[in-house]
Amino acid sequence: MPNTKSAKKRLRQNVERRARNRSMRSAVKSQVRKVREAVQAADVEKAEAEFRLAAKRLDRAGARKVIHPNAAARLKSRLSAGILALKQG
């Protein structure tokens, strides 16, 4: 347990930030899953619509360092490649 006043404040901040980060990470994972499911179902229009939301959430999470920015870029690249393969094939 924290003893000093500043340590108590730091603990409160860490708890709030952890909850916010977990929520954002969960939302990103859910959105990525929706894109992958749409690609699996061969639904191009739904996949593209879900991808736009996923890209937005990935960019936001990367910018705020909830996930690494390169990881966000990698996920966006892989999702868009899946949609492109679906369109061509």
PDB file of N, CA and C in Angstrom:
ATOM      1  N   MET A   1       0.836  -1.191   0.000  1.00  0.00           N
ATOM      2  CA  MET A   1       0.000   0.000   0.000  1.00  0.00           C
ATOM      3  C   MET A   1       0.874   1.245   0.000  1.00  0.00           C
ATOM      4  N   PRO A   2       0.421   2.269  -0.693  1.00  0.00           N
ATOM      5  CA  PRO A   2       1.196   3.515  -0.725  1.00  0.00           C
ATOM      6  C   PRO A   2       1.132   4.227   0.623  1.00  0.00           C
ATOM      7  N   ASN A   3       2.226   4.859   0.979  1.00  0.00           N
ATOM      8  CA  ASN A   3       2.293   5.552   2.263  1.00  0.00           C
ATOM      9  C   ASN A   3       2.193   7.065   2.109  1.00  0.00           C
ATOM     10  N   THR A   4       2.867   7.605   1.130  1.00  0.00           N
ATOM     11  CA  THR A   4       2.868   9.054   0.965  1.00  0.00           C
ATOM     12  C   THR A   4       1.645   9.508   0.183  1.00  0.00           C
ATOM     13  N   LYS A   5       1.363  10.790   0.310  1.00  0.00           N
ATOM     14  CA  LYS A   5       0.206  11.381  -0.376  1.00  0.00           C
ATOM     15  C   LYS A   5       0.360  11.259  -1.895  1.00  0.00           C
ATOM     16  N   SER A   6       1.576  11.515  -2.373  1.00  0.00           N
ATOM     17  CA  SER A   6       1.810  11.453  -3.825  1.00  0.00           C
ATOM     18  C   SER A   6       1.709  10.018  -4.342  1.00  0.00           C
ATOM     19  N   ALA A   7       2.122   9.052  -3.526  1.00  0.00           N
ATOM     20  CA  ALA A   7       2.021   7.647  -3.933  1.00  0.00           C
ATOM     21  C   ALA A   7       0.563   7.210  -3.994  1.00  0.00           C
ATOM     22  N   LYS A   8      -0.264   7.727  -3.089  1.00  0.00           N
ATOM     23  CA  LYS A   8      -1.695   7.413  -3.107  1.00  0.00           C
ATOM     24  C   LYS A   8      -2.352   7.972  -4.366  1.00  0.00           C
ATOM     25  N   LYS A   9      -1.969   9.197  -4.723  1.00  0.00           N
ATOM     26  CA  LYS A   9      -2.508   9.810  -5.939  1.00  0.00           C
ATOM     27  C   LYS A   9      -2.060   9.022  -7.164  1.00  0.00           C
ATOM     28  N   ARG A  10      -0.796   8.629  -7.178  1.00  0.00           N
ATOM     29  CA  ARG A  10      -0.257   7.861  -8.301  1.00  0.00           C
ATOM     30  C   ARG A  10      -1.003   6.538  -8.452  1.00  0.00           C
ATOM     31  N   LEU A  11      -1.341   5.885  -7.340  1.00  0.00           N
ATOM     32  CA  LEU A  11      -2.102   4.637  -7.378  1.00  0.00           C
ATOM     33  C   LEU A  11      -3.483   4.868  -7.987  1.00  0.00           C
ATOM     34  N   ARG A  12      -4.145   5.959  -7.568  1.00  0.00           N
ATOM     35  CA  ARG A  12      -5.464   6.278  -8.135  1.00  0.00           C
ATOM     36  C   ARG A  12      -5.361   6.489  -9.641  1.00  0.00           C
ATOM     37  N   GLN A  13      -4.355   7.227 -10.073  1.00  0.00           N
ATOM     38  CA  GLN A  13      -4.172   7.494 -11.502  1.00  0.00           C
ATOM     39  C   GLN A  13      -3.911   6.203 -12.269  1.00  0.00           C
ATOM     40  N   ASN A  14      -3.078   5.337 -11.697  1.00  0.00           N
ATOM     41  CA  ASN A  14      -2.753   4.075 -12.368  1.00  0.00           C
ATOM     42  C   ASN A  14      -3.982   3.193 -12.529  1.00  0.00           C
ATOM     43  N   VAL A  15      -4.833   3.156 -11.522  1.00  0.00           N
ATOM     44  CA  VAL A  15      -6.049   2.343 -11.588  1.00  0.00           C
ATOM     45  C   VAL A  15      -6.963   2.862 -12.698  1.00  0.00           C
ATOM     46  N   GLU A  16      -7.141   4.183 -12.761  1.00  0.00           N
ATOM     47  CA  GLU A  16      -8.002   4.775 -13.798  1.00  0.00           C
ATOM     48  C   GLU A  16      -7.432   4.534 -15.187  1.00  0.00           C
ATOM     49  N   ARG A  17      -6.132   4.729 -15.344  1.00  0.00           N
ATOM     50  CA  ARG A  17      -5.503   4.550 -16.653  1.00  0.00           C
ATOM     51  C   ARG A  17      -5.566   3.091 -17.093  1.00  0.00           C
ATOM     52  N   ARG A  18      -5.374   2.177 -16.149  1.00  0.00           N
ATOM     53  CA  ARG A  18      -5.423   0.758 -16.478  1.00  0.00           C
ATOM     54  C   ARG A  18      -6.807   0.385 -16.994  1.00  0.00           C
ATOM     55  N   ALA A  19      -7.831   0.883 -16.341  1.00  0.00           N
ATOM     56  CA  ALA A  19      -9.207   0.600 -16.771  1.00  0.00           C
ATOM     57  C   ALA A  19      -9.456   1.176 -18.166  1.00  0.00           C
ATOM     58  N   ARG A  20      -8.984   2.386 -18.400  1.00  0.00           N
ATOM     59  CA  ARG A  20      -9.176   3.035 -19.702  1.00  0.00           C
ATOM     60  C   ARG A  20      -8.426   2.277 -20.794  1.00  0.00           C
ATOM     61  N   ASN A  21      -7.196   1.874 -20.497  1.00  0.00           N
ATOM     62  CA  ASN A  21      -6.389   1.146 -21.476  1.00  0.00           C
ATOM     63  C   ASN A  21      -6.993  -0.213 -21.795  1.00  0.00           C
ATOM     64  N   ARG A  22      -7.466  -0.921 -20.756  1.00  0.00           N
ATOM     65  CA  ARG A  22      -8.067  -2.238 -20.978  1.00  0.00           C
ATOM     66  C   ARG A  22      -9.318  -2.118 -21.835  1.00  0.00           C
ATOM     67  N   SER A  23     -10.098  -1.083 -21.580  1.00  0.00           N
ATOM     68  CA  SER A  23     -11.321  -0.862 -22.346  1.00  0.00           C
ATOM     69  C   SER A  23     -10.997  -0.596 -23.811  1.00  0.00           C
ATOM     70  N   MET A  24     -10.014   0.245 -24.052  1.00  0.00           N
ATOM     71  CA  MET A  24      -9.631   0.577 -25.426  1.00  0.00           C
ATOM     72  C   MET A  24      -9.063  -0.646 -26.142  1.00  0.00           C
ATOM     73  N   ARG A  25      -8.224  -1.414 -25.456  1.00  0.00           N
ATOM     74  CA  ARG A  25      -7.631  -2.609 -26.057  1.00  0.00           C
ATOM     75  C   ARG A  25      -8.709  -3.631 -26.398  1.00  0.00           C
ATOM     76  N   SER A  26      -9.693  -3.766 -25.527  1.00  0.00           N
ATOM     77  CA  SER A  26     -10.798  -4.694 -25.764  1.00  0.00           C
ATOM     78  C   SER A  26     -11.621  -4.259 -26.973  1.00  0.00           C
ATOM     79  N   ALA A  27     -11.883  -2.959 -27.085  1.00  0.00           N
ATOM     80  CA  ALA A  27     -12.650  -2.437 -28.222  1.00  0.00           C
ATOM     81  C   ALA A  27     -11.908  -2.672 -29.529  1.00  0.00           C
ATOM     82  N   VAL A  28     -10.584  -2.491 -29.506  1.00  0.00           N
ATOM     83  CA  VAL A  28      -9.771  -2.725 -30.702  1.00  0.00           C
ATOM     84  C   VAL A  28      -9.846  -4.188 -31.112  1.00  0.00           C
ATOM     85  N   LYS A  29      -9.681  -5.090 -30.138  1.00  0.00           N
ATOM     86  CA  LYS A  29      -9.714  -6.526 -30.444  1.00  0.00           C
ATOM     87  C   LYS A  29     -11.071  -6.940 -31.006  1.00  0.00           C
ATOM     88  N   SER A  30     -12.147  -6.399 -30.438  1.00  0.00           N
ATOM     89  CA  SER A  30     -13.492  -6.735 -30.911  1.00  0.00           C
ATOM     90  C   SER A  30     -13.694  -6.272 -32.346  1.00  0.00           C
ATOM     91  N   GLN A  31     -13.218  -5.069 -32.645  1.00  0.00           N
ATOM     92  CA  GLN A  31     -13.395  -4.530 -33.986  1.00  0.00           C
ATOM     93  C   GLN A  31     -12.568  -5.313 -35.004  1.00  0.00           C
ATOM     94  N   VAL A  32     -11.353  -5.691 -34.643  1.00  0.00           N
ATOM     95  CA  VAL A  32     -10.508  -6.494 -35.534  1.00  0.00           C
ATOM     96  C   VAL A  32     -11.164  -7.848 -35.792  1.00  0.00           C
ATOM     97  N   ARG A  33     -11.756  -8.411 -34.731  1.00  0.00           N
ATOM     98  CA  ARG A  33     -12.447  -9.696 -34.886  1.00  0.00           C
ATOM     99  C   ARG A  33     -13.626  -9.578 -35.854  1.00  0.00           C
ATOM    100  N   LYS A  34     -14.365  -8.463 -35.792  1.00  0.00           N
ATOM    101  CA  LYS A  34     -15.501  -8.254 -36.693  1.00  0.00           C
ATOM    102  C   LYS A  34     -15.046  -8.199 -38.147  1.00  0.00           C
ATOM    103  N   VAL A  35     -13.905  -7.551 -38.384  1.00  0.00           N
ATOM    104  CA  VAL A  35     -13.367  -7.480 -39.748  1.00  0.00           C
ATOM    105  C   VAL A  35     -13.004  -8.887 -40.230  1.00  0.00           C
ATOM    106  N   ARG A  36     -12.303  -9.629 -39.388  1.00  0.00           N
ATOM    107  CA  ARG A  36     -11.879 -10.979 -39.775  1.00  0.00           C
ATOM    108  C   ARG A  36     -13.079 -11.890 -40.029  1.00  0.00           C
ATOM    109  N   GLU A  37     -14.125 -11.751 -39.226  1.00  0.00           N
ATOM    110  CA  GLU A  37     -15.325 -12.564 -39.424  1.00  0.00           C
ATOM    111  C   GLU A  37     -16.010 -12.210 -40.740  1.00  0.00           C
ATOM    112  N   ALA A  38     -16.047 -10.921 -41.073  1.00  0.00           N
ATOM    113  CA  ALA A  38     -16.654 -10.494 -42.341  1.00  0.00           C
ATOM    114  C   ALA A  38     -15.850 -11.024 -43.525  1.00  0.00           C
ATOM    115  N   VAL A  39     -14.524 -11.041 -43.399  1.00  0.00           N
ATOM    116  CA  VAL A  39     -13.677 -11.582 -44.473  1.00  0.00           C
ATOM    117  C   VAL A  39     -13.915 -13.082 -44.607  1.00  0.00           C
ATOM    118  N   GLN A  40     -14.027 -13.779 -43.472  1.00  0.00           N
ATOM    119  CA  GLN A  40     -14.290 -15.222 -43.493  1.00  0.00           C
ATOM    120  C   GLN A  40     -15.622 -15.524 -44.175  1.00  0.00           C
ATOM    121  N   ALA A  41     -16.616 -14.650 -43.937  1.00  0.00           N
ATOM    122  CA  ALA A  41     -17.942 -14.837 -44.522  1.00  0.00           C
ATOM    123  C   ALA A  41     -18.002 -14.342 -45.962  1.00  0.00           C
ATOM    124  N   ALA A  42     -16.894 -13.821 -46.478  1.00  0.00           N
ATOM    125  CA  ALA A  42     -16.790 -13.304 -47.852  1.00  0.00           C
ATOM    126  C   ALA A  42     -17.762 -12.148 -48.090  1.00  0.00           C
ATOM    127  N   ASP A  43     -17.979 -11.328 -47.072  1.00  0.00           N
ATOM    128  CA  ASP A  43     -18.857 -10.160 -47.179  1.00  0.00           C
ATOM    129  C   ASP A  43     -17.979  -8.917 -47.324  1.00  0.00           C
ATOM    130  N   VAL A  44     -17.725  -8.523 -48.566  1.00  0.00           N
ATOM    131  CA  VAL A  44     -16.771  -7.445 -48.839  1.00  0.00           C
ATOM    132  C   VAL A  44     -17.254  -6.114 -48.266  1.00  0.00           C
ATOM    133  N   GLU A  45     -18.526  -5.788 -48.488  1.00  0.00           N
ATOM    134  CA  GLU A  45     -19.032  -4.489 -48.041  1.00  0.00           C
ATOM    135  C   GLU A  45     -18.978  -4.357 -46.517  1.00  0.00           C
ATOM    136  N   LYS A  46     -19.392  -5.406 -45.824  1.00  0.00           N
ATOM    137  CA  LYS A  46     -19.353  -5.365 -44.352  1.00  0.00           C
ATOM    138  C   LYS A  46     -17.910  -5.308 -43.868  1.00  0.00           C
ATOM    139  N   ALA A  47     -17.023  -6.058 -44.519  1.00  0.00           N
ATOM    140  CA  ALA A  47     -15.613  -6.064 -44.126  1.00  0.00           C
ATOM    141  C   ALA A  47     -15.007  -4.672 -44.270  1.00  0.00           C
ATOM    142  N   GLU A  48     -15.341  -3.987 -45.370  1.00  0.00           N
ATOM    143  CA  GLU A  48     -14.794  -2.641 -45.581  1.00  0.00           C
ATOM    144  C   GLU A  48     -15.344  -1.658 -44.562  1.00  0.00           C
ATOM    145  N   ALA A  49     -16.632  -1.769 -44.255  1.00  0.00           N
ATOM    146  CA  ALA A  49     -17.233  -0.868 -43.268  1.00  0.00           C
ATOM    147  C   ALA A  49     -16.614  -1.098 -41.891  1.00  0.00           C
ATOM    148  N   GLU A  50     -16.459  -2.357 -41.516  1.00  0.00           N
ATOM    149  CA  GLU A  50     -15.856  -2.677 -40.216  1.00  0.00           C
ATOM    150  C   GLU A  50     -14.378  -2.287 -40.193  1.00  0.00           C
ATOM    151  N   PHE A  51     -13.709  -2.391 -41.341  1.00  0.00           N
ATOM    152  CA  PHE A  51     -12.292  -2.044 -41.402  1.00  0.00           C
ATOM    153  C   PHE A  51     -12.079  -0.556 -41.134  1.00  0.00           C
ATOM    154  N   ARG A  52     -12.989   0.284 -41.652  1.00  0.00           N
ATOM    155  CA  ARG A  52     -12.854   1.719 -41.410  1.00  0.00           C
ATOM    156  C   ARG A  52     -12.885   2.026 -39.909  1.00  0.00           C
ATOM    157  N   LEU A  53     -13.803   1.383 -39.206  1.00  0.00           N
ATOM    158  CA  LEU A  53     -13.865   1.573 -37.743  1.00  0.00           C
ATOM    159  C   LEU A  53     -12.630   0.993 -37.056  1.00  0.00           C
ATOM    160  N   ALA A  54     -12.198  -0.175 -37.527  1.00  0.00           N
ATOM    161  CA  ALA A  54     -11.028  -0.814 -36.923  1.00  0.00           C
ATOM    162  C   ALA A  54      -9.780   0.055 -37.111  1.00  0.00           C
ATOM    163  N   ALA A  55      -9.620   0.619 -38.304  1.00  0.00           N
ATOM    164  CA  ALA A  55      -8.455   1.462 -38.576  1.00  0.00           C
ATOM    165  C   ALA A  55      -8.456   2.682 -37.661  1.00  0.00           C
ATOM    166  N   LYS A  56      -9.629   3.253 -37.478  1.00  0.00           N
ATOM    167  CA  LYS A  56      -9.742   4.425 -36.611  1.00  0.00           C
ATOM    168  C   LYS A  56      -9.347   4.077 -35.175  1.00  0.00           C
ATOM    169  N   ARG A  57      -9.869   2.945 -34.684  1.00  0.00           N
ATOM    170  CA  ARG A  57      -9.559   2.545 -33.311  1.00  0.00           C
ATOM    171  C   ARG A  57      -8.099   2.140 -33.156  1.00  0.00           C
ATOM    172  N   LEU A  58      -7.547   1.472 -34.158  1.00  0.00           N
ATOM    173  CA  LEU A  58      -6.138   1.089 -34.098  1.00  0.00           C
ATOM    174  C   LEU A  58      -5.237   2.327 -34.080  1.00  0.00           C
ATOM    175  N   ASP A  59      -5.559   3.303 -34.925  1.00  0.00           N
ATOM    176  CA  ASP A  59      -4.772   4.536 -34.958  1.00  0.00           C
ATOM    177  C   ASP A  59      -4.825   5.253 -33.611  1.00  0.00           C
ATOM    178  N   ARG A  60      -6.019   5.329 -33.050  1.00  0.00           N
ATOM    179  CA  ARG A  60      -6.170   6.005 -31.759  1.00  0.00           C
ATOM    180  C   ARG A  60      -5.391   5.278 -30.670  1.00  0.00           C
ATOM    181  N   ALA A  61      -5.500   3.952 -30.641  1.00  0.00           N
ATOM    182  CA  ALA A  61      -4.794   3.172 -29.621  1.00  0.00           C
ATOM    183  C   ALA A  61      -3.284   3.285 -29.799  1.00  0.00           C
ATOM    184  N   GLY A  62      -2.813   3.288 -31.043  1.00  0.00           N
ATOM    185  CA  GLY A  62      -1.385   3.433 -31.305  1.00  0.00           C
ATOM    186  C   GLY A  62      -0.876   4.808 -30.909  1.00  0.00           C
ATOM    187  N   ALA A  63      -1.651   5.835 -31.204  1.00  0.00           N
ATOM    188  CA  ALA A  63      -1.239   7.198 -30.877  1.00  0.00           C
ATOM    189  C   ALA A  63      -1.153   7.396 -29.366  1.00  0.00           C
ATOM    190  N   ARG A  64      -2.030   6.725 -28.636  1.00  0.00           N
ATOM    191  CA  ARG A  64      -2.049   6.877 -27.184  1.00  0.00           C
ATOM    192  C   ARG A  64      -1.183   5.842 -26.474  1.00  0.00           C
ATOM    193  N   LYS A  65      -0.444   5.060 -27.263  1.00  0.00           N
ATOM    194  CA  LYS A  65       0.494   4.059 -26.739  1.00  0.00           C
ATOM    195  C   LYS A  65      -0.194   2.964 -25.925  1.00  0.00           C
ATOM    196  N   VAL A  66      -1.488   2.715 -26.194  1.00  0.00           N
ATOM    197  CA  VAL A  66      -2.164   1.588 -25.568  1.00  0.00           C
ATOM    198  C   VAL A  66      -1.607   0.307 -26.181  1.00  0.00           C
ATOM    199  N   ILE A  67      -1.395   0.345 -27.505  1.00  0.00           N
ATOM    200  CA  ILE A  67      -0.628  -0.693 -28.191  1.00  0.00           C
ATOM    201  C   ILE A  67       0.495   0.024 -28.929  1.00  0.00           C
ATOM    202  N   HIS A  68       1.501  -0.706 -29.322  1.00  0.00           N
ATOM    203  CA  HIS A  68       2.621  -0.083 -30.020  1.00  0.00           C
ATOM    204  C   HIS A  68       2.148   0.425 -31.380  1.00  0.00           C
ATOM    205  N   PRO A  69       2.566   1.616 -31.780  1.00  0.00           N
ATOM    206  CA  PRO A  69       2.138   2.157 -33.078  1.00  0.00           C
ATOM    207  C   PRO A  69       2.454   1.233 -34.253  1.00  0.00           C
ATOM    208  N   ASN A  70       3.593   0.547 -34.199  1.00  0.00           N
ATOM    209  CA  ASN A  70       3.932  -0.376 -35.286  1.00  0.00           C
ATOM    210  C   ASN A  70       2.991  -1.577 -35.298  1.00  0.00           C
ATOM    211  N   ALA A  71       2.549  -2.010 -34.132  1.00  0.00           N
ATOM    212  CA  ALA A  71       1.597  -3.126 -34.051  1.00  0.00           C
ATOM    213  C   ALA A  71       0.267  -2.710 -34.664  1.00  0.00           C
ATOM    214  N   ALA A  72      -0.145  -1.474 -34.419  1.00  0.00           N
ATOM    215  CA  ALA A  72      -1.381  -0.963 -35.014  1.00  0.00           C
ATOM    216  C   ALA A  72      -1.256  -0.931 -36.536  1.00  0.00           C
ATOM    217  N   ALA A  73      -0.131  -0.446 -37.034  1.00  0.00           N
ATOM    218  CA  ALA A  73       0.095  -0.376 -38.472  1.00  0.00           C
ATOM    219  C   ALA A  73       0.123  -1.775 -39.087  1.00  0.00           C
ATOM    220  N   ARG A  74       0.738  -2.716 -38.390  1.00  0.00           N
ATOM    221  CA  ARG A  74       0.828  -4.092 -38.886  1.00  0.00           C
ATOM    222  C   ARG A  74      -0.554  -4.724 -38.976  1.00  0.00           C
ATOM    223  N   LEU A  75      -1.378  -4.519 -37.955  1.00  0.00           N
ATOM    224  CA  LEU A  75      -2.732  -5.073 -37.971  1.00  0.00           C
ATOM    225  C   LEU A  75      -3.554  -4.465 -39.105  1.00  0.00           C
ATOM    226  N   LYS A  76      -3.453  -3.149 -39.282  1.00  0.00           N
ATOM    227  CA  LYS A  76      -4.183  -2.493 -40.369  1.00  0.00           C
ATOM    228  C   LYS A  76      -3.755  -3.055 -41.718  1.00  0.00           C
ATOM    229  N   SER A  77      -2.466  -3.259 -41.889  1.00  0.00           N
ATOM    230  CA  SER A  77      -1.935  -3.778 -43.142  1.00  0.00           C
ATOM    231  C   SER A  77      -2.459  -5.182 -43.421  1.00  0.00           C
ATOM    232  N   ARG A  78      -2.464  -6.023 -42.400  1.00  0.00           N
ATOM    233  CA  ARG A  78      -2.913  -7.407 -42.578  1.00  0.00           C
ATOM    234  C   ARG A  78      -4.412  -7.478 -42.851  1.00  0.00           C
ATOM    235  N   LEU A  79      -5.172  -6.634 -42.169  1.00  0.00           N
ATOM    236  CA  LEU A  79      -6.616  -6.628 -42.401  1.00  0.00           C
ATOM    237  C   LEU A  79      -6.938  -6.147 -43.818  1.00  0.00           C
ATOM    238  N   SER A  80      -6.259  -5.087 -44.251  1.00  0.00           N
ATOM    239  CA  SER A  80      -6.524  -4.568 -45.590  1.00  0.00           C
ATOM    240  C   SER A  80      -6.070  -5.563 -46.655  1.00  0.00           C
ATOM    241  N   ALA A  81      -4.996  -6.295 -46.384  1.00  0.00           N
ATOM    242  CA  ALA A  81      -4.545  -7.318 -47.333  1.00  0.00           C
ATOM    243  C   ALA A  81      -5.579  -8.427 -47.442  1.00  0.00           C
ATOM    244  N   GLY A  82      -6.219  -8.777 -46.330  1.00  0.00           N
ATOM    245  CA  GLY A  82      -7.258  -9.795 -46.358  1.00  0.00           C
ATOM    246  C   GLY A  82      -8.456  -9.352 -47.158  1.00  0.00           C
ATOM    247  N   ILE A  83      -8.832  -8.091 -47.013  1.00  0.00           N
ATOM    248  CA  ILE A  83      -9.968  -7.554 -47.779  1.00  0.00           C
ATOM    249  C   ILE A  83      -9.620  -7.508 -49.262  1.00  0.00           C
ATOM    250  N   LEU A  84      -8.397  -7.097 -49.573  1.00  0.00           N
ATOM    251  CA  LEU A  84      -7.969  -7.014 -50.968  1.00  0.00           C
ATOM    252  C   LEU A  84      -7.955  -8.404 -51.620  1.00  0.00           C
ATOM    253  N   ALA A  85      -7.477  -9.390 -50.890  1.00  0.00           N
ATOM    254  CA  ALA A  85      -7.454 -10.775 -51.399  1.00  0.00           C
ATOM    255  C   ALA A  85      -8.874 -11.260 -51.633  1.00  0.00           C
ATOM    256  N   LEU A  86      -9.795 -10.860 -50.772  1.00  0.00           N
ATOM    257  CA  LEU A  86     -11.194 -11.246 -50.917  1.00  0.00           C
ATOM    258  C   LEU A  86     -11.789 -10.629 -52.181  1.00  0.00           C
ATOM    259  N   LYS A  87     -11.454  -9.372 -52.445  1.00  0.00           N
ATOM    260  CA  LYS A  87     -11.953  -8.687 -53.638  1.00  0.00           C
ATOM    261  C   LYS A  87     -11.424  -9.355 -54.921  1.00  0.00           C
ATOM    262  N   GLN A  88     -10.140  -9.691 -54.907  1.00  0.00           N
ATOM    263  CA  GLN A  88      -9.514 -10.246 -56.117  1.00  0.00           C
ATOM    264  C   GLN A  88      -9.909 -11.713 -56.335  1.00  0.00           C
ATOM    265  N   GLY A  89     -10.037 -12.441 -55.241  1.00  0.00           N
ATOM    266  CA  GLY A  89     -10.295 -13.870 -55.374  1.00  0.00           C
ATOM    267  C   GLY A  89     -11.734 -14.167 -55.219  1.00  0.00           C
TER     268      GLY A  89
END
